[in-house]
PDB file of N, CA and C in Angstrom:
ATOM      1  N   UNK A   1     -32.561 209.685 117.979  1.00  0.00           N
ATOM      2  CA  UNK A   1     -33.270 208.503 118.376  1.00  0.00           C
ATOM      3  C   UNK A   1     -34.511 208.875 119.192  1.00  0.00           C
ATOM      4  N   UNK A   2     -34.395 209.949 119.958  1.00  0.00           N
ATOM      5  CA  UNK A   2     -35.526 210.390 120.772  1.00  0.00           C
ATOM      6  C   UNK A   2     -36.725 210.730 119.902  1.00  0.00           C
ATOM      7  N   UNK A   3     -36.485 211.431 118.807  1.00  0.00           N
ATOM      8  CA  UNK A   3     -37.593 211.857 117.954  1.00  0.00           C
ATOM      9  C   UNK A   3     -38.210 210.692 117.183  1.00  0.00           C
ATOM     10  N   UNK A   4     -37.429 209.669 116.879  1.00  0.00           N
ATOM     11  CA  UNK A   4     -37.981 208.475 116.235  1.00  0.00           C
ATOM     12  C   UNK A   4     -38.914 207.756 117.201  1.00  0.00           C
ATOM     13  N   UNK A   5     -38.481 207.594 118.454  1.00  0.00           N
ATOM     14  CA  UNK A   5     -39.324 206.947 119.465  1.00  0.00           C
ATOM     15  C   UNK A   5     -40.569 207.778 119.739  1.00  0.00           C
ATOM     16  N   UNK A   6     -40.408 209.093 119.795  1.00  0.00           N
ATOM     17  CA  UNK A   6     -41.546 209.984 120.020  1.00  0.00           C
ATOM     18  C   UNK A   6     -42.550 209.891 118.882  1.00  0.00           C
ATOM     19  N   UNK A   7     -42.071 209.895 117.648  1.00  0.00           N
ATOM     20  CA  UNK A   7     -42.962 209.791 116.487  1.00  0.00           C
ATOM     21  C   UNK A   7     -43.680 208.462 116.416  1.00  0.00           C
ATOM     22  N   UNK A   8     -42.974 207.376 116.711  1.00  0.00           N
ATOM     23  CA  UNK A   8     -43.606 206.049 116.691  1.00  0.00           C
ATOM     24  C   UNK A   8     -44.656 205.935 117.781  1.00  0.00           C
ATOM     25  N   UNK A   9     -44.380 206.489 118.943  1.00  0.00           N
ATOM     26  CA  UNK A   9     -45.335 206.467 120.053  1.00  0.00           C
ATOM     27  C   UNK A   9     -46.597 207.255 119.697  1.00  0.00           C
ATOM     28  N   UNK A  10     -46.426 208.473 119.208  1.00  0.00           N
ATOM     29  CA  UNK A  10     -47.589 209.294 118.854  1.00  0.00           C
ATOM     30  C   UNK A  10     -48.370 208.707 117.684  1.00  0.00           C
ATOM     31  N   UNK A  11     -47.684 208.211 116.683  1.00  0.00           N
ATOM     32  CA  UNK A  11     -48.378 207.608 115.538  1.00  0.00           C
ATOM     33  C   UNK A  11     -49.163 206.375 115.964  1.00  0.00           C
ATOM     34  N   UNK A  12     -48.603 205.574 116.844  1.00  0.00           N
ATOM     35  CA  UNK A  12     -49.311 204.395 117.333  1.00  0.00           C
ATOM     36  C   UNK A  12     -50.566 204.754 118.101  1.00  0.00           C
ATOM     37  N   UNK A  13     -50.488 205.795 118.914  1.00  0.00           N
ATOM     38  CA  UNK A  13     -51.667 206.238 119.668  1.00  0.00           C
ATOM     39  C   UNK A  13     -52.741 206.759 118.720  1.00  0.00           C
ATOM     40  N   UNK A  14     -52.360 207.546 117.729  1.00  0.00           N
ATOM     41  CA  UNK A  14     -53.329 208.096 116.776  1.00  0.00           C
ATOM     42  C   UNK A  14     -53.984 206.984 115.966  1.00  0.00           C
ATOM     43  N   UNK A  15     -53.200 206.030 115.492  1.00  0.00           N
ATOM     44  CA  UNK A  15     -53.759 204.914 114.718  1.00  0.00           C
ATOM     45  C   UNK A  15     -54.725 204.103 115.577  1.00  0.00           C
ATOM     46  N   UNK A  16     -54.395 203.904 116.832  1.00  0.00           N
ATOM     47  CA  UNK A  16     -55.269 203.153 117.724  1.00  0.00           C
ATOM     48  C   UNK A  16     -56.572 203.906 117.967  1.00  0.00           C
ATOM     49  N   UNK A  17     -56.505 205.228 118.102  1.00  0.00           N
ATOM     50  CA  UNK A  17     -57.732 206.023 118.257  1.00  0.00           C
ATOM     51  C   UNK A  17     -58.578 205.967 116.991  1.00  0.00           C
ATOM     52  N   UNK A  18     -57.947 205.997 115.842  1.00  0.00           N
ATOM     53  CA  UNK A  18     -58.684 205.916 114.578  1.00  0.00           C
ATOM     54  C   UNK A  18     -59.400 204.576 114.460  1.00  0.00           C
ATOM     55  N   UNK A  19     -58.794 203.512 115.001  1.00  0.00           N
ATOM     56  CA  UNK A  19     -59.410 202.184 114.972  1.00  0.00           C
ATOM     57  C   UNK A  19     -60.464 202.003 116.062  1.00  0.00           C
ATOM     58  N   UNK A  20     -60.843 203.075 116.738  1.00  0.00           N
ATOM     59  CA  UNK A  20     -61.890 203.085 117.771  1.00  0.00           C
ATOM     60  C   UNK A  20     -61.511 202.259 118.992  1.00  0.00           C
ATOM     61  N   UNK A  21     -60.241 202.190 119.290  1.00  0.00           N
ATOM     62  CA  UNK A  21     -59.777 201.581 120.528  1.00  0.00           C
ATOM     63  C   UNK A  21     -59.538 202.726 121.502  1.00  0.00           C
ATOM     64  N   UNK A  22     -60.047 202.629 122.716  1.00  0.00           N
ATOM     65  CA  UNK A  22     -59.961 203.763 123.625  1.00  0.00           C
ATOM     66  C   UNK A  22     -59.111 203.525 124.868  1.00  0.00           C
ATOM     67  N   UNK A  23     -59.237 202.372 125.524  1.00  0.00           N
ATOM     68  CA  UNK A  23     -58.586 202.187 126.824  1.00  0.00           C
ATOM     69  C   UNK A  23     -57.066 202.129 126.723  1.00  0.00           C
ATOM     70  N   UNK A  24     -56.554 201.308 125.830  1.00  0.00           N
ATOM     71  CA  UNK A  24     -55.098 201.171 125.723  1.00  0.00           C
ATOM     72  C   UNK A  24     -54.425 202.460 125.263  1.00  0.00           C
ATOM     73  N   UNK A  25     -54.934 203.152 124.226  1.00  0.00           N
ATOM     74  CA  UNK A  25     -54.229 204.376 123.819  1.00  0.00           C
ATOM     75  C   UNK A  25     -54.248 205.469 124.878  1.00  0.00           C
ATOM     76  N   UNK A  26     -55.308 205.537 125.668  1.00  0.00           N
ATOM     77  CA  UNK A  26     -55.354 206.558 126.716  1.00  0.00           C
ATOM     78  C   UNK A  26     -54.291 206.268 127.772  1.00  0.00           C
ATOM     79  N   UNK A  27     -54.150 205.002 128.163  1.00  0.00           N
ATOM     80  CA  UNK A  27     -53.139 204.670 129.169  1.00  0.00           C
ATOM     81  C   UNK A  27     -51.724 204.832 128.614  1.00  0.00           C
ATOM     82  N   UNK A  28     -51.507 204.412 127.366  1.00  0.00           N
ATOM     83  CA  UNK A  28     -50.191 204.575 126.737  1.00  0.00           C
ATOM     84  C   UNK A  28     -49.863 206.060 126.581  1.00  0.00           C
ATOM     85  N   UNK A  29     -50.852 206.854 126.193  1.00  0.00           N
ATOM     86  CA  UNK A  29     -50.648 208.295 126.039  1.00  0.00           C
ATOM     87  C   UNK A  29     -50.345 208.948 127.388  1.00  0.00           C
ATOM     88  N   UNK A  30     -51.042 208.516 128.439  1.00  0.00           N
ATOM     89  CA  UNK A  30     -50.818 209.096 129.763  1.00  0.00           C
ATOM     90  C   UNK A  30     -49.412 208.784 130.279  1.00  0.00           C
ATOM     91  N   UNK A  31     -48.992 207.542 130.150  1.00  0.00           N
ATOM     92  CA  UNK A  31     -47.649 207.166 130.611  1.00  0.00           C
ATOM     93  C   UNK A  31     -46.583 207.884 129.785  1.00  0.00           C
ATOM     94  N   UNK A  32     -46.778 207.938 128.476  1.00  0.00           N
ATOM     95  CA  UNK A  32     -45.824 208.631 127.615  1.00  0.00           C
ATOM     96  C   UNK A  32     -45.749 210.118 127.901  1.00  0.00           C
ATOM     97  N   UNK A  33     -46.890 210.730 128.174  1.00  0.00           N
ATOM     98  CA  UNK A  33     -46.903 212.157 128.507  1.00  0.00           C
ATOM     99  C   UNK A  33     -46.175 212.421 129.818  1.00  0.00           C
ATOM    100  N   UNK A  34     -46.348 211.524 130.774  1.00  0.00           N
ATOM    101  CA  UNK A  34     -45.630 211.652 132.041  1.00  0.00           C
ATOM    102  C   UNK A  34     -44.119 211.541 131.823  1.00  0.00           C
ATOM    103  N   UNK A  35     -43.711 210.603 130.991  1.00  0.00           N
ATOM    104  CA  UNK A  35     -42.283 210.439 130.685  1.00  0.00           C
ATOM    105  C   UNK A  35     -41.748 211.688 129.988  1.00  0.00           C
ATOM    106  N   UNK A  36     -42.520 212.236 129.045  1.00  0.00           N
ATOM    107  CA  UNK A  36     -42.073 213.457 128.359  1.00  0.00           C
ATOM    108  C   UNK A  36     -41.972 214.635 129.318  1.00  0.00           C
ATOM    109  N   UNK A  37     -42.942 214.756 130.225  1.00  0.00           N
ATOM    110  CA  UNK A  37     -42.889 215.839 131.204  1.00  0.00           C
ATOM    111  C   UNK A  37     -41.652 215.700 132.091  1.00  0.00           C
ATOM    112  N   UNK A  38     -41.366 214.485 132.516  1.00  0.00           N
ATOM    113  CA  UNK A  38     -40.164 214.268 133.326  1.00  0.00           C
ATOM    114  C   UNK A  38     -38.890 214.523 132.525  1.00  0.00           C
ATOM    115  N   UNK A  39     -38.901 214.165 131.261  1.00  0.00           N
ATOM    116  CA  UNK A  39     -37.724 214.384 130.414  1.00  0.00           C
ATOM    117  C   UNK A  39     -37.400 215.870 130.296  1.00  0.00           C
ATOM    118  N   UNK A  40     -38.426 216.685 130.094  1.00  0.00           N
ATOM    119  CA  UNK A  40     -38.173 218.105 129.860  1.00  0.00           C
ATOM    120  C   UNK A  40     -38.053 218.915 131.151  1.00  0.00           C
ATOM    121  N   UNK A  41     -38.416 218.339 132.304  1.00  0.00           N
ATOM    122  CA  UNK A  41     -38.245 219.066 133.560  1.00  0.00           C
ATOM    123  C   UNK A  41     -37.044 218.555 134.351  1.00  0.00           C
ATOM    124  N   UNK A  42     -36.948 217.247 134.524  1.00  0.00           N
ATOM    125  CA  UNK A  42     -35.881 216.662 135.328  1.00  0.00           C
ATOM    126  C   UNK A  42     -34.717 216.219 134.455  1.00  0.00           C
ATOM    127  N   UNK A  43     -35.030 215.621 133.316  1.00  0.00           N
ATOM    128  CA  UNK A  43     -34.004 215.118 132.415  1.00  0.00           C
ATOM    129  C   UNK A  43     -33.676 213.660 132.697  1.00  0.00           C
ATOM    130  N   UNK A  44     -34.385 212.769 132.060  1.00  0.00           N
ATOM    131  CA  UNK A  44     -34.183 211.337 132.275  1.00  0.00           C
ATOM    132  C   UNK A  44     -33.102 210.756 131.371  1.00  0.00           C
ATOM    133  N   UNK A  45     -32.729 211.475 130.351  1.00  0.00           N
ATOM    134  CA  UNK A  45     -31.694 210.992 129.447  1.00  0.00           C
ATOM    135  C   UNK A  45     -32.169 209.841 128.587  1.00  0.00           C
ATOM    136  N   UNK A  46     -31.351 208.804 128.514  1.00  0.00           N
ATOM    137  CA  UNK A  46     -31.663 207.670 127.639  1.00  0.00           C
ATOM    138  C   UNK A  46     -32.865 206.871 128.128  1.00  0.00           C
ATOM    139  N   UNK A  47     -33.223 206.996 129.400  1.00  0.00           N
ATOM    140  CA  UNK A  47     -34.376 206.257 129.923  1.00  0.00           C
ATOM    141  C   UNK A  47     -35.677 206.687 129.246  1.00  0.00           C
ATOM    142  N   UNK A  48     -35.790 207.953 128.914  1.00  0.00           N
ATOM    143  CA  UNK A  48     -37.007 208.415 128.236  1.00  0.00           C
ATOM    144  C   UNK A  48     -37.116 207.801 126.845  1.00  0.00           C
ATOM    145  N   UNK A  49     -36.001 207.662 126.154  1.00  0.00           N
ATOM    146  CA  UNK A  49     -36.016 207.025 124.834  1.00  0.00           C
ATOM    147  C   UNK A  49     -36.423 205.566 124.963  1.00  0.00           C
ATOM    148  N   UNK A  50     -35.886 204.882 125.957  1.00  0.00           N
ATOM    149  CA  UNK A  50     -36.205 203.469 126.156  1.00  0.00           C
ATOM    150  C   UNK A  50     -37.680 203.280 126.497  1.00  0.00           C
ATOM    151  N   UNK A  51     -38.216 204.099 127.377  1.00  0.00           N
ATOM    152  CA  UNK A  51     -39.626 203.969 127.771  1.00  0.00           C
ATOM    153  C   UNK A  51     -40.535 204.289 126.597  1.00  0.00           C
ATOM    154  N   UNK A  52     -40.245 205.346 125.851  1.00  0.00           N
ATOM    155  CA  UNK A  52     -41.075 205.683 124.692  1.00  0.00           C
ATOM    156  C   UNK A  52     -41.003 204.599 123.627  1.00  0.00           C
ATOM    157  N   UNK A  53     -39.841 204.001 123.438  1.00  0.00           N
ATOM    158  CA  UNK A  53     -39.711 202.913 122.462  1.00  0.00           C
ATOM    159  C   UNK A  53     -40.510 201.686 122.897  1.00  0.00           C
ATOM    160  N   UNK A  54     -40.497 201.375 124.174  1.00  0.00           N
ATOM    161  CA  UNK A  54     -41.287 200.246 124.679  1.00  0.00           C
ATOM    162  C   UNK A  54     -42.773 200.526 124.530  1.00  0.00           C
ATOM    163  N   UNK A  55     -43.202 201.742 124.861  1.00  0.00           N
ATOM    164  CA  UNK A  55     -44.612 202.105 124.696  1.00  0.00           C
ATOM    165  C   UNK A  55     -45.023 202.054 123.226  1.00  0.00           C
ATOM    166  N   UNK A  56     -44.144 202.507 122.351  1.00  0.00           N
ATOM    167  CA  UNK A  56     -44.440 202.455 120.914  1.00  0.00           C
ATOM    168  C   UNK A  56     -44.569 201.017 120.441  1.00  0.00           C
ATOM    169  N   UNK A  57     -43.694 200.146 120.928  1.00  0.00           N
ATOM    170  CA  UNK A  57     -43.778 198.731 120.543  1.00  0.00           C
ATOM    171  C   UNK A  57     -45.072 198.102 121.036  1.00  0.00           C
ATOM    172  N   UNK A  58     -45.471 198.417 122.247  1.00  0.00           N
ATOM    173  CA  UNK A  58     -46.722 197.865 122.795  1.00  0.00           C
ATOM    174  C   UNK A  58     -47.913 198.307 121.967  1.00  0.00           C
ATOM    175  N   UNK A  59     -47.995 199.588 121.652  1.00  0.00           N
ATOM    176  CA  UNK A  59     -49.167 200.089 120.926  1.00  0.00           C
ATOM    177  C   UNK A  59     -49.167 199.591 119.489  1.00  0.00           C
ATOM    178  N   UNK A  60     -47.983 199.473 118.860  1.00  0.00           N
ATOM    179  CA  UNK A  60     -47.941 198.972 117.483  1.00  0.00           C
ATOM    180  C   UNK A  60     -48.313 197.498 117.420  1.00  0.00           C
ATOM    181  N   UNK A  61     -47.882 196.696 118.388  1.00  0.00           N
ATOM    182  CA  UNK A  61     -48.270 195.282 118.418  1.00  0.00           C
ATOM    183  C   UNK A  61     -49.770 195.156 118.645  1.00  0.00           C
ATOM    184  N   UNK A  62     -50.316 195.971 119.539  1.00  0.00           N
ATOM    185  CA  UNK A  62     -51.765 195.941 119.779  1.00  0.00           C
ATOM    186  C   UNK A  62     -52.533 196.342 118.524  1.00  0.00           C
ATOM    187  N   UNK A  63     -52.033 197.332 117.792  1.00  0.00           N
ATOM    188  CA  UNK A  63     -52.692 197.737 116.546  1.00  0.00           C
ATOM    189  C   UNK A  63     -52.625 196.627 115.508  1.00  0.00           C
ATOM    190  N   UNK A  64     -51.484 195.951 115.421  1.00  0.00           N
ATOM    191  CA  UNK A  64     -51.331 194.853 114.464  1.00  0.00           C
ATOM    192  C   UNK A  64     -52.311 193.729 114.785  1.00  0.00           C
ATOM    193  N   UNK A  65     -52.455 193.382 116.055  1.00  0.00           N
ATOM    194  CA  UNK A  65     -53.383 192.327 116.452  1.00  0.00           C
ATOM    195  C   UNK A  65     -54.833 192.743 116.230  1.00  0.00           C
ATOM    196  N   UNK A  66     -55.117 194.033 116.421  1.00  0.00           N
ATOM    197  CA  UNK A  66     -56.477 194.534 116.226  1.00  0.00           C
ATOM    198  C   UNK A  66     -56.862 194.520 114.753  1.00  0.00           C
ATOM    199  N   UNK A  67     -55.901 194.771 113.866  1.00  0.00           N
ATOM    200  CA  UNK A  67     -56.193 194.802 112.433  1.00  0.00           C
ATOM    201  C   UNK A  67     -56.249 193.412 111.814  1.00  0.00           C
ATOM    202  N   UNK A  68     -55.703 192.418 112.491  1.00  0.00           N
ATOM    203  CA  UNK A  68     -55.670 191.055 111.933  1.00  0.00           C
ATOM    204  C   UNK A  68     -57.013 190.353 112.061  1.00  0.00           C
TER     205      UNK A  68
END
């Protein structure tokens, strides 16, 4: 489940950058990178999956609204 959330988060950020959106993907990428750093150093467990899934949902909804 972790890798699905990670892939959705990264794909959403890349798609948003391709659509020439800059502010939201940078902030989503920064928060996600912080969560990943904490996951691999401290070990957040299921919280990292939940945060990455929420970030992925936010960026995918923003991309959907931007493309509409």
